[in-house]
Amino acid sequence: KGEITVADHVWIATEAFIGPNVEIAPHVVIGARAV
């Protein structure tokens, strides 16, 4: 088991994959189906 951290003001689009132990920084957009 890992963790995923998502900061404020983040948009994660449809079907995006975020793996374990990843930190999404503030003011980030993750596009659809991004890995």
Full PDB file with SEQRES, HELIX, SHEET, SSBOND, CRYST1, ORIGX, SCALE, CONECT and MASTER records, all heavy atoms in Angstrom:
SEQRES   1 A   35  LYS GLY GLU ILE THR VAL ALA ASP HIS VAL TRP ILE ALA          
SEQRES   2 A   35  THR GLU ALA PHE ILE GLY PRO ASN VAL GLU ILE ALA PRO          
SEQRES   3 A   35  HIS VAL VAL ILE GLY ALA ARG ALA VAL                          
SHEET    1 AA1 2 ILE A   4  VAL A   6  0                                        
SHEET    2 AA1 2 VAL A  22  ILE A  24  1                                        
SHEET    1 AA2 2 TRP A  11  ILE A  12  0                                        
SHEET    2 AA2 2 VAL A  29  ILE A  30  1                                        
CRYST1    1.000    1.000    1.000  90.00  90.00  90.00 P 1           1          
ORIGX1      1.000000  0.000000  0.000000        0.00000                         
ORIGX2      0.000000  1.000000  0.000000        0.00000                         
ORIGX3      0.000000  0.000000  1.000000        0.00000                         
SCALE1      1.000000  0.000000  0.000000        0.00000                         
SCALE2      0.000000  1.000000  0.000000        0.00000                         
SCALE3      0.000000  0.000000  1.000000        0.00000                         
ATOM      1  N   LYS A   1       0.834  -1.203   0.000  1.00  0.00           N  
ATOM      2  CA  LYS A   1       0.000   0.000   0.000  1.00  0.00           C  
ATOM      3  C   LYS A   1       0.867   1.250   0.000  1.00  0.00           C  
ATOM      4  O   LYS A   1       1.818   1.342   0.748  1.00  0.00           O  
ATOM      5  CB  LYS A   1      -0.915   0.009   1.221  1.00  0.00           C  
ATOM      6  CG  LYS A   1      -1.891  -1.148   1.241  1.00  0.00           C  
ATOM      7  CD  LYS A   1      -2.725  -1.127   2.502  1.00  0.00           C  
ATOM      8  CE  LYS A   1      -3.634  -2.322   2.552  1.00  0.00           C  
ATOM      9  NZ  LYS A   1      -4.429  -2.358   3.794  1.00  0.00           N  
ATOM     10  N   GLY A   2       0.503   2.194  -0.851  1.00  0.00           N  
ATOM     11  CA  GLY A   2       1.170   3.488  -0.897  1.00  0.00           C  
ATOM     12  C   GLY A   2       0.146   4.571  -0.645  1.00  0.00           C  
ATOM     13  O   GLY A   2      -1.005   4.287  -0.311  1.00  0.00           O  
ATOM     14  N   GLU A   3       0.553   5.805  -0.836  1.00  0.00           N  
ATOM     15  CA  GLU A   3      -0.366   6.929  -0.682  1.00  0.00           C  
ATOM     16  C   GLU A   3      -0.302   7.803  -1.920  1.00  0.00           C  
ATOM     17  O   GLU A   3       0.714   7.838  -2.618  1.00  0.00           O  
ATOM     18  CB  GLU A   3      -0.005   7.767   0.543  1.00  0.00           C  
ATOM     19  CG  GLU A   3      -0.249   7.050   1.851  1.00  0.00           C  
ATOM     20  CD  GLU A   3      -0.066   7.971   3.045  1.00  0.00           C  
ATOM     21  OE1 GLU A   3       0.014   9.198   2.855  1.00  0.00           O  
ATOM     22  OE2 GLU A   3      -0.008   7.449   4.160  1.00  0.00           O  
ATOM     23  N   ILE A   4      -1.384   8.495  -2.173  1.00  0.00           N  
ATOM     24  CA  ILE A   4      -1.437   9.514  -3.210  1.00  0.00           C  
ATOM     25  C   ILE A   4      -1.821  10.808  -2.513  1.00  0.00           C  
ATOM     26  O   ILE A   4      -2.801  10.854  -1.771  1.00  0.00           O  
ATOM     27  CB  ILE A   4      -2.475   9.168  -4.297  1.00  0.00           C  
ATOM     28  CG1 ILE A   4      -2.061   7.886  -5.020  1.00  0.00           C  
ATOM     29  CG2 ILE A   4      -2.636  10.326  -5.270  1.00  0.00           C  
ATOM     30  CD1 ILE A   4      -3.113   7.358  -5.971  1.00  0.00           C  
ATOM     31  N   THR A   5      -1.039  11.857  -2.737  1.00  0.00           N  
ATOM     32  CA  THR A   5      -1.311  13.158  -2.136  1.00  0.00           C  
ATOM     33  C   THR A   5      -1.699  14.126  -3.240  1.00  0.00           C  
ATOM     34  O   THR A   5      -0.974  14.273  -4.217  1.00  0.00           O  
ATOM     35  CB  THR A   5      -0.067  13.692  -1.400  1.00  0.00           C  
ATOM     36  OG1 THR A   5       0.343  12.720  -0.436  1.00  0.00           O  
ATOM     37  CG2 THR A   5      -0.352  15.012  -0.716  1.00  0.00           C  
ATOM     38  N   VAL A   6      -2.853  14.772  -3.075  1.00  0.00           N  
ATOM     39  CA  VAL A   6      -3.338  15.740  -4.058  1.00  0.00           C  
ATOM     40  C   VAL A   6      -3.475  17.087  -3.362  1.00  0.00           C  
ATOM     41  O   VAL A   6      -4.242  17.233  -2.415  1.00  0.00           O  
ATOM     42  CB  VAL A   6      -4.695  15.294  -4.656  1.00  0.00           C  
ATOM     43  CG1 VAL A   6      -5.202  16.313  -5.654  1.00  0.00           C  
ATOM     44  CG2 VAL A   6      -4.566  13.916  -5.295  1.00  0.00           C  
ATOM     45  N   ALA A   7      -2.723  18.077  -3.846  1.00  0.00           N  
ATOM     46  CA  ALA A   7      -2.737  19.421  -3.260  1.00  0.00           C  
ATOM     47  C   ALA A   7      -3.999  20.179  -3.685  1.00  0.00           C  
ATOM     48  O   ALA A   7      -4.823  19.673  -4.453  1.00  0.00           O  
ATOM     49  CB  ALA A   7      -1.491  20.179  -3.694  1.00  0.00           C  
ATOM     50  N   ASP A   8      -4.119  21.399  -3.219  1.00  0.00           N  
ATOM     51  CA  ASP A   8      -5.244  22.258  -3.574  1.00  0.00           C  
ATOM     52  C   ASP A   8      -5.142  22.725  -5.023  1.00  0.00           C  
ATOM     53  O   ASP A   8      -4.046  22.834  -5.574  1.00  0.00           O  
ATOM     54  CB  ASP A   8      -5.280  23.489  -2.670  1.00  0.00           C  
ATOM     55  CG  ASP A   8      -5.634  23.145  -1.234  1.00  0.00           C  
ATOM     56  OD1 ASP A   8      -6.290  22.098  -1.013  1.00  0.00           O  
ATOM     57  OD2 ASP A   8      -5.254  23.910  -0.336  1.00  0.00           O  
ATOM     58  N   HIS A   9      -6.297  23.016  -5.602  1.00  0.00           N  
ATOM     59  CA  HIS A   9      -6.409  23.590  -6.937  1.00  0.00           C  
ATOM     60  C   HIS A   9      -5.815  22.668  -8.005  1.00  0.00           C  
ATOM     61  O   HIS A   9      -5.021  23.085  -8.854  1.00  0.00           O  
ATOM     62  CB  HIS A   9      -5.784  24.984  -6.991  1.00  0.00           C  
ATOM     63  CG  HIS A   9      -6.300  25.875  -5.914  1.00  0.00           C  
ATOM     64  ND1 HIS A   9      -7.593  26.347  -5.906  1.00  0.00           N  
ATOM     65  CD2 HIS A   9      -5.725  26.330  -4.781  1.00  0.00           C  
ATOM     66  CE1 HIS A   9      -7.783  27.081  -4.821  1.00  0.00           C  
ATOM     67  NE2 HIS A   9      -6.667  27.078  -4.117  1.00  0.00           N  
ATOM     68  N   VAL A  10      -6.206  21.399  -7.933  1.00  0.00           N  
ATOM     69  CA  VAL A  10      -5.765  20.382  -8.882  1.00  0.00           C  
ATOM     70  C   VAL A  10      -6.982  19.865  -9.634  1.00  0.00           C  
ATOM     71  O   VAL A  10      -8.052  19.680  -9.053  1.00  0.00           O  
ATOM     72  CB  VAL A  10      -5.071  19.209  -8.141  1.00  0.00           C  
ATOM     73  CG1 VAL A  10      -4.847  18.021  -9.055  1.00  0.00           C  
ATOM     74  CG2 VAL A  10      -3.760  19.686  -7.535  1.00  0.00           C  
ATOM     75  N   TRP A  11      -6.813  19.620 -10.924  1.00  0.00           N  
ATOM     76  CA  TRP A  11      -7.865  19.005 -11.723  1.00  0.00           C  
ATOM     77  C   TRP A  11      -7.294  17.725 -12.309  1.00  0.00           C  
ATOM     78  O   TRP A  11      -6.296  17.753 -13.023  1.00  0.00           O  
ATOM     79  CB  TRP A  11      -8.330  19.933 -12.829  1.00  0.00           C  
ATOM     80  CG  TRP A  11      -9.299  19.318 -13.783  1.00  0.00           C  
ATOM     81  CD1 TRP A  11     -10.223  18.345 -13.502  1.00  0.00           C  
ATOM     82  CD2 TRP A  11      -9.460  19.616 -15.166  1.00  0.00           C  
ATOM     83  NE1 TRP A  11     -10.941  18.034 -14.619  1.00  0.00           N  
ATOM     84  CE2 TRP A  11     -10.490  18.810 -15.662  1.00  0.00           C  
ATOM     85  CE3 TRP A  11      -8.829  20.503 -16.028  1.00  0.00           C  
ATOM     86  CZ2 TRP A  11     -10.901  18.849 -16.987  1.00  0.00           C  
ATOM     87  CZ3 TRP A  11      -9.246  20.548 -17.344  1.00  0.00           C  
ATOM     88  CH2 TRP A  11     -10.270  19.741 -17.804  1.00  0.00           C  
ATOM     89  N   ILE A  12      -7.918  16.599 -11.993  1.00  0.00           N  
ATOM     90  CA  ILE A  12      -7.540  15.304 -12.546  1.00  0.00           C  
ATOM     91  C   ILE A  12      -8.662  14.885 -13.484  1.00  0.00           C  
ATOM     92  O   ILE A  12      -9.785  14.636 -13.047  1.00  0.00           O  
ATOM     93  CB  ILE A  12      -7.301  14.257 -11.439  1.00  0.00           C  
ATOM     94  CG1 ILE A  12      -6.179  14.741 -10.512  1.00  0.00           C  
ATOM     95  CG2 ILE A  12      -6.968  12.908 -12.055  1.00  0.00           C  
ATOM     96  CD1 ILE A  12      -5.946  13.871  -9.304  1.00  0.00           C  
ATOM     97  N   ALA A  13      -8.346  14.815 -14.764  1.00  0.00           N  
ATOM     98  CA  ALA A  13      -9.356  14.531 -15.783  1.00  0.00           C  
ATOM     99  C   ALA A  13      -9.728  13.045 -15.826  1.00  0.00           C  
ATOM    100  O   ALA A  13      -9.087  12.203 -15.179  1.00  0.00           O  
ATOM    101  CB  ALA A  13      -8.854  14.991 -17.147  1.00  0.00           C  
ATOM    102  N   THR A  14     -10.722  12.748 -16.613  1.00  0.00           N  
ATOM    103  CA  THR A  14     -11.289  11.409 -16.735  1.00  0.00           C  
ATOM    104  C   THR A  14     -10.254  10.350 -17.080  1.00  0.00           C  
ATOM    105  O   THR A  14      -9.406  10.550 -17.937  1.00  0.00           O  
ATOM    106  CB  THR A  14     -12.377  11.416 -17.827  1.00  0.00           C  
ATOM    107  OG1 THR A  14     -13.353  12.387 -17.481  1.00  0.00           O  
ATOM    108  CG2 THR A  14     -13.045  10.066 -17.956  1.00  0.00           C  
ATOM    109  N   GLU A  15     -10.342   9.233 -16.404  1.00  0.00           N  
ATOM    110  CA  GLU A  15      -9.548   8.028 -16.641  1.00  0.00           C  
ATOM    111  C   GLU A  15      -8.044   8.212 -16.457  1.00  0.00           C  
ATOM    112  O   GLU A  15      -7.254   7.409 -16.938  1.00  0.00           O  
ATOM    113  CB  GLU A  15      -9.848   7.431 -18.020  1.00  0.00           C  
ATOM    114  CG  GLU A  15     -11.288   6.960 -18.132  1.00  0.00           C  
ATOM    115  CD  GLU A  15     -11.595   6.282 -19.459  1.00  0.00           C  
ATOM    116  OE1 GLU A  15     -10.670   6.084 -20.284  1.00  0.00           O  
ATOM    117  OE2 GLU A  15     -12.762   5.949 -19.672  1.00  0.00           O  
ATOM    118  N   ALA A  16      -7.628   9.265 -15.763  1.00  0.00           N  
ATOM    119  CA  ALA A  16      -6.204   9.421 -15.462  1.00  0.00           C  
ATOM    120  C   ALA A  16      -5.805   8.377 -14.422  1.00  0.00           C  
ATOM    121  O   ALA A  16      -6.600   7.997 -13.561  1.00  0.00           O  
ATOM    122  CB  ALA A  16      -5.929  10.821 -14.929  1.00  0.00           C  
ATOM    123  N   PHE A  17      -4.576   7.905 -14.513  1.00  0.00           N  
ATOM    124  CA  PHE A  17      -4.038   6.941 -13.560  1.00  0.00           C  
ATOM    125  C   PHE A  17      -2.963   7.643 -12.744  1.00  0.00           C  
ATOM    126  O   PHE A  17      -2.010   8.189 -13.301  1.00  0.00           O  
ATOM    127  CB  PHE A  17      -3.413   5.746 -14.296  1.00  0.00           C  
ATOM    128  CG  PHE A  17      -2.723   4.779 -13.375  1.00  0.00           C  
ATOM    129  CD1 PHE A  17      -3.412   3.734 -12.803  1.00  0.00           C  
ATOM    130  CD2 PHE A  17      -1.373   4.929 -13.078  1.00  0.00           C  
ATOM    131  CE1 PHE A  17      -2.779   2.843 -11.948  1.00  0.00           C  
ATOM    132  CE2 PHE A  17      -0.729   4.051 -12.231  1.00  0.00           C  
ATOM    133  CZ  PHE A  17      -1.432   3.004 -11.659  1.00  0.00           C  
ATOM    134  N   ILE A  18      -3.123   7.624 -11.428  1.00  0.00           N  
ATOM    135  CA  ILE A  18      -2.131   8.176 -10.506  1.00  0.00           C  
ATOM    136  C   ILE A  18      -1.599   7.002  -9.695  1.00  0.00           C  
ATOM    137  O   ILE A  18      -2.357   6.321  -9.005  1.00  0.00           O  
ATOM    138  CB  ILE A  18      -2.744   9.233  -9.552  1.00  0.00           C  
ATOM    139  CG1 ILE A  18      -3.615  10.245 -10.287  1.00  0.00           C  
ATOM    140  CG2 ILE A  18      -1.637   9.901  -8.739  1.00  0.00           C  
ATOM    141  CD1 ILE A  18      -2.904  11.112 -11.275  1.00  0.00           C  
ATOM    142  N   GLY A  19      -0.312   6.743  -9.797  1.00  0.00           N  
ATOM    143  CA  GLY A  19       0.289   5.598  -9.128  1.00  0.00           C  
ATOM    144  C   GLY A  19       0.563   5.830  -7.654  1.00  0.00           C  
ATOM    145  O   GLY A  19       0.412   6.943  -7.134  1.00  0.00           O  
ATOM    146  N   PRO A  20       1.000   4.768  -6.962  1.00  0.00           N  
ATOM    147  CA  PRO A  20       1.274   4.870  -5.531  1.00  0.00           C  
ATOM    148  C   PRO A  20       2.465   5.780  -5.244  1.00  0.00           C  
ATOM    149  O   PRO A  20       3.402   5.869  -6.036  1.00  0.00           O  
ATOM    150  CB  PRO A  20       1.581   3.427  -5.116  1.00  0.00           C  
ATOM    151  CG  PRO A  20       1.959   2.724  -6.362  1.00  0.00           C  
ATOM    152  CD  PRO A  20       1.255   3.420  -7.482  1.00  0.00           C  
ATOM    153  N   ASN A  21       2.396   6.442  -4.095  1.00  0.00           N  
ATOM    154  CA  ASN A  21       3.462   7.319  -3.588  1.00  0.00           C  
ATOM    155  C   ASN A  21       3.739   8.514  -4.490  1.00  0.00           C  
ATOM    156  O   ASN A  21       4.856   9.023  -4.536  1.00  0.00           O  
ATOM    157  CB  ASN A  21       4.737   6.515  -3.335  1.00  0.00           C  
ATOM    158  CG  ASN A  21       4.494   5.381  -2.371  1.00  0.00           C  
ATOM    159  OD1 ASN A  21       3.877   5.572  -1.327  1.00  0.00           O  
ATOM    160  ND2 ASN A  21       4.917   4.188  -2.728  1.00  0.00           N  
ATOM    161  N   VAL A  22       2.709   8.985  -5.199  1.00  0.00           N  
ATOM    162  CA  VAL A  22       2.826  10.158  -6.057  1.00  0.00           C  
ATOM    163  C   VAL A  22       2.195  11.346  -5.347  1.00  0.00           C  
ATOM    164  O   VAL A  22       1.150  11.216  -4.715  1.00  0.00           O  
ATOM    165  CB  VAL A  22       2.135   9.912  -7.419  1.00  0.00           C  
ATOM    166  CG1 VAL A  22       2.003  11.193  -8.215  1.00  0.00           C  
ATOM    167  CG2 VAL A  22       2.905   8.864  -8.209  1.00  0.00           C  
ATOM    168  N   GLU A  23       2.847  12.497  -5.455  1.00  0.00           N  
ATOM    169  CA  GLU A  23       2.312  13.750  -4.930  1.00  0.00           C  
ATOM    170  C   GLU A  23       1.976  14.653  -6.108  1.00  0.00           C  
ATOM    171  O   GLU A  23       2.842  14.939  -6.934  1.00  0.00           O  
ATOM    172  CB  GLU A  23       3.327  14.437  -4.028  1.00  0.00           C  
ATOM    173  CG  GLU A  23       3.619  13.658  -2.760  1.00  0.00           C  
ATOM    174  CD  GLU A  23       4.597  14.376  -1.842  1.00  0.00           C  
ATOM    175  OE1 GLU A  23       4.717  15.617  -1.945  1.00  0.00           O  
ATOM    176  OE2 GLU A  23       5.238  13.695  -1.038  1.00  0.00           O  
ATOM    177  N   ILE A  24       0.712  15.095  -6.176  1.00  0.00           N  
ATOM    178  CA  ILE A  24       0.288  16.044  -7.188  1.00  0.00           C  
ATOM    179  C   ILE A  24       0.378  17.430  -6.555  1.00  0.00           C  
ATOM    180  O   ILE A  24      -0.315  17.721  -5.591  1.00  0.00           O  
ATOM    181  CB  ILE A  24      -1.149  15.753  -7.680  1.00  0.00           C  
ATOM    182  CG1 ILE A  24      -1.289  14.286  -8.141  1.00  0.00           C  
ATOM    183  CG2 ILE A  24      -1.544  16.724  -8.779  1.00  0.00           C  
ATOM    184  CD1 ILE A  24      -0.426  13.910  -9.318  1.00  0.00           C  
ATOM    185  N   ALA A  25       1.258  18.263  -7.103  1.00  0.00           N  
ATOM    186  CA  ALA A  25       1.540  19.592  -6.548  1.00  0.00           C  
ATOM    187  C   ALA A  25       0.369  20.544  -6.792  1.00  0.00           C  
ATOM    188  O   ALA A  25      -0.510  20.269  -7.610  1.00  0.00           O  
ATOM    189  CB  ALA A  25       2.820  20.136  -7.180  1.00  0.00           C  
ATOM    190  N   PRO A  26       0.356  21.690  -6.119  1.00  0.00           N  
ATOM    191  CA  PRO A  26      -0.715  22.669  -6.301  1.00  0.00           C  
ATOM    192  C   PRO A  26      -0.761  23.223  -7.730  1.00  0.00           C  
ATOM    193  O   PRO A  26       0.261  23.333  -8.397  1.00  0.00           O  
ATOM    194  CB  PRO A  26      -0.363  23.791  -5.324  1.00  0.00           C  
ATOM    195  CG  PRO A  26       0.625  23.226  -4.378  1.00  0.00           C  
ATOM    196  CD  PRO A  26       1.321  22.129  -5.104  1.00  0.00           C  
ATOM    197  N   HIS A  27      -1.982  23.564  -8.147  1.00  0.00           N  
ATOM    198  CA  HIS A  27      -2.216  24.208  -9.446  1.00  0.00           C  
ATOM    199  C   HIS A  27      -1.711  23.349 -10.603  1.00  0.00           C  
ATOM    200  O   HIS A  27      -0.987  23.821 -11.477  1.00  0.00           O  
ATOM    201  CB  HIS A  27      -1.591  25.604  -9.488  1.00  0.00           C  
ATOM    202  CG  HIS A  27      -2.046  26.479  -8.369  1.00  0.00           C  
ATOM    203  ND1 HIS A  27      -3.298  27.051  -8.341  1.00  0.00           N  
ATOM    204  CD2 HIS A  27      -1.433  26.842  -7.224  1.00  0.00           C  
ATOM    205  CE1 HIS A  27      -3.425  27.743  -7.226  1.00  0.00           C  
ATOM    206  NE2 HIS A  27      -2.313  27.628  -6.528  1.00  0.00           N  
ATOM    207  N   VAL A  28      -2.103  22.084 -10.587  1.00  0.00           N  
ATOM    208  CA  VAL A  28      -1.714  21.143 -11.636  1.00  0.00           C  
ATOM    209  C   VAL A  28      -2.967  20.608 -12.311  1.00  0.00           C  
ATOM    210  O   VAL A  28      -3.989  20.376 -11.663  1.00  0.00           O  
ATOM    211  CB  VAL A  28      -0.882  19.981 -11.042  1.00  0.00           C  
ATOM    212  CG1 VAL A  28      -0.769  18.806 -11.993  1.00  0.00           C  
ATOM    213  CG2 VAL A  28       0.502  20.471 -10.660  1.00  0.00           C  
ATOM    214  N   VAL A  29      -2.875  20.414 -13.623  1.00  0.00           N  
ATOM    215  CA  VAL A  29      -3.920  19.750 -14.394  1.00  0.00           C  
ATOM    216  C   VAL A  29      -3.324  18.440 -14.901  1.00  0.00           C  
ATOM    217  O   VAL A  29      -2.236  18.434 -15.487  1.00  0.00           O  
ATOM    218  CB  VAL A  29      -4.376  20.614 -15.598  1.00  0.00           C  
ATOM    219  CG1 VAL A  29      -5.341  19.835 -16.476  1.00  0.00           C  
ATOM    220  CG2 VAL A  29      -5.006  21.906 -15.109  1.00  0.00           C  
ATOM    221  N   ILE A  30      -4.043  17.339 -14.656  1.00  0.00           N  
ATOM    222  CA  ILE A  30      -3.663  16.034 -15.182  1.00  0.00           C  
ATOM    223  C   ILE A  30      -4.657  15.725 -16.296  1.00  0.00           C  
ATOM    224  O   ILE A  30      -5.860  15.620 -16.055  1.00  0.00           O  
ATOM    225  CB  ILE A  30      -3.725  14.932 -14.103  1.00  0.00           C  
ATOM    226  CG1 ILE A  30      -2.890  15.290 -12.875  1.00  0.00           C  
ATOM    227  CG2 ILE A  30      -3.325  13.592 -14.700  1.00  0.00           C  
ATOM    228  CD1 ILE A  30      -1.403  15.381 -13.109  1.00  0.00           C  
ATOM    229  N   GLY A  31      -4.176  15.582 -17.522  1.00  0.00           N  
ATOM    230  CA  GLY A  31      -5.036  15.370 -18.671  1.00  0.00           C  
ATOM    231  C   GLY A  31      -5.691  13.994 -18.679  1.00  0.00           C  
ATOM    232  O   GLY A  31      -5.253  13.068 -17.988  1.00  0.00           O  
ATOM    233  N   ALA A  32      -6.745  13.875 -19.470  1.00  0.00           N  
ATOM    234  CA  ALA A  32      -7.483  12.615 -19.594  1.00  0.00           C  
ATOM    235  C   ALA A  32      -6.543  11.479 -19.999  1.00  0.00           C  
ATOM    236  O   ALA A  32      -5.699  11.637 -20.873  1.00  0.00           O  
ATOM    237  CB  ALA A  32      -8.594  12.764 -20.625  1.00  0.00           C  
ATOM    238  N   ARG A  33      -6.673  10.368 -19.300  1.00  0.00           N  
ATOM    239  CA  ARG A  33      -5.921   9.138 -19.540  1.00  0.00           C  
ATOM    240  C   ARG A  33      -4.416   9.255 -19.345  1.00  0.00           C  
ATOM    241  O   ARG A  33      -3.658   8.387 -19.757  1.00  0.00           O  
ATOM    242  CB  ARG A  33      -6.234   8.569 -20.911  1.00  0.00           C  
ATOM    243  CG  ARG A  33      -7.683   8.151 -21.048  1.00  0.00           C  
ATOM    244  CD  ARG A  33      -7.948   7.412 -22.306  1.00  0.00           C  
ATOM    245  NE  ARG A  33      -9.344   6.958 -22.305  1.00  0.00           N  
ATOM    246  CZ  ARG A  33      -9.851   6.220 -23.252  1.00  0.00           C  
ATOM    247  NH1 ARG A  33      -9.122   5.849 -24.273  1.00  0.00           N  
ATOM    248  NH2 ARG A  33     -11.112   5.847 -23.181  1.00  0.00           N  
ATOM    249  N   ALA A  34      -3.966  10.316 -18.707  1.00  0.00           N  
ATOM    250  CA  ALA A  34      -2.537  10.444 -18.390  1.00  0.00           C  
ATOM    251  C   ALA A  34      -2.157   9.369 -17.376  1.00  0.00           C  
ATOM    252  O   ALA A  34      -2.982   8.931 -16.572  1.00  0.00           O  
ATOM    253  CB  ALA A  34      -2.241  11.826 -17.824  1.00  0.00           C  
ATOM    254  N   VAL A  35      -0.895   8.953 -17.404  1.00  0.00           N  
ATOM    255  CA  VAL A  35      -0.382   7.957 -16.463  1.00  0.00           C  
ATOM    256  C   VAL A  35       0.736   8.616 -15.663  1.00  0.00           C  
ATOM    257  O   VAL A  35       1.840   8.836 -16.173  1.00  0.00           O  
ATOM    258  CB  VAL A  35       0.139   6.704 -17.194  1.00  0.00           C  
ATOM    259  CG1 VAL A  35       0.743   5.718 -16.205  1.00  0.00           C  
ATOM    260  CG2 VAL A  35      -0.991   6.055 -17.992  1.00  0.00           C  
TER     261      VAL A  35                                                      
MASTER        0    0    0    0    4    0    0    6  260    1    0    3          
END                                                                             
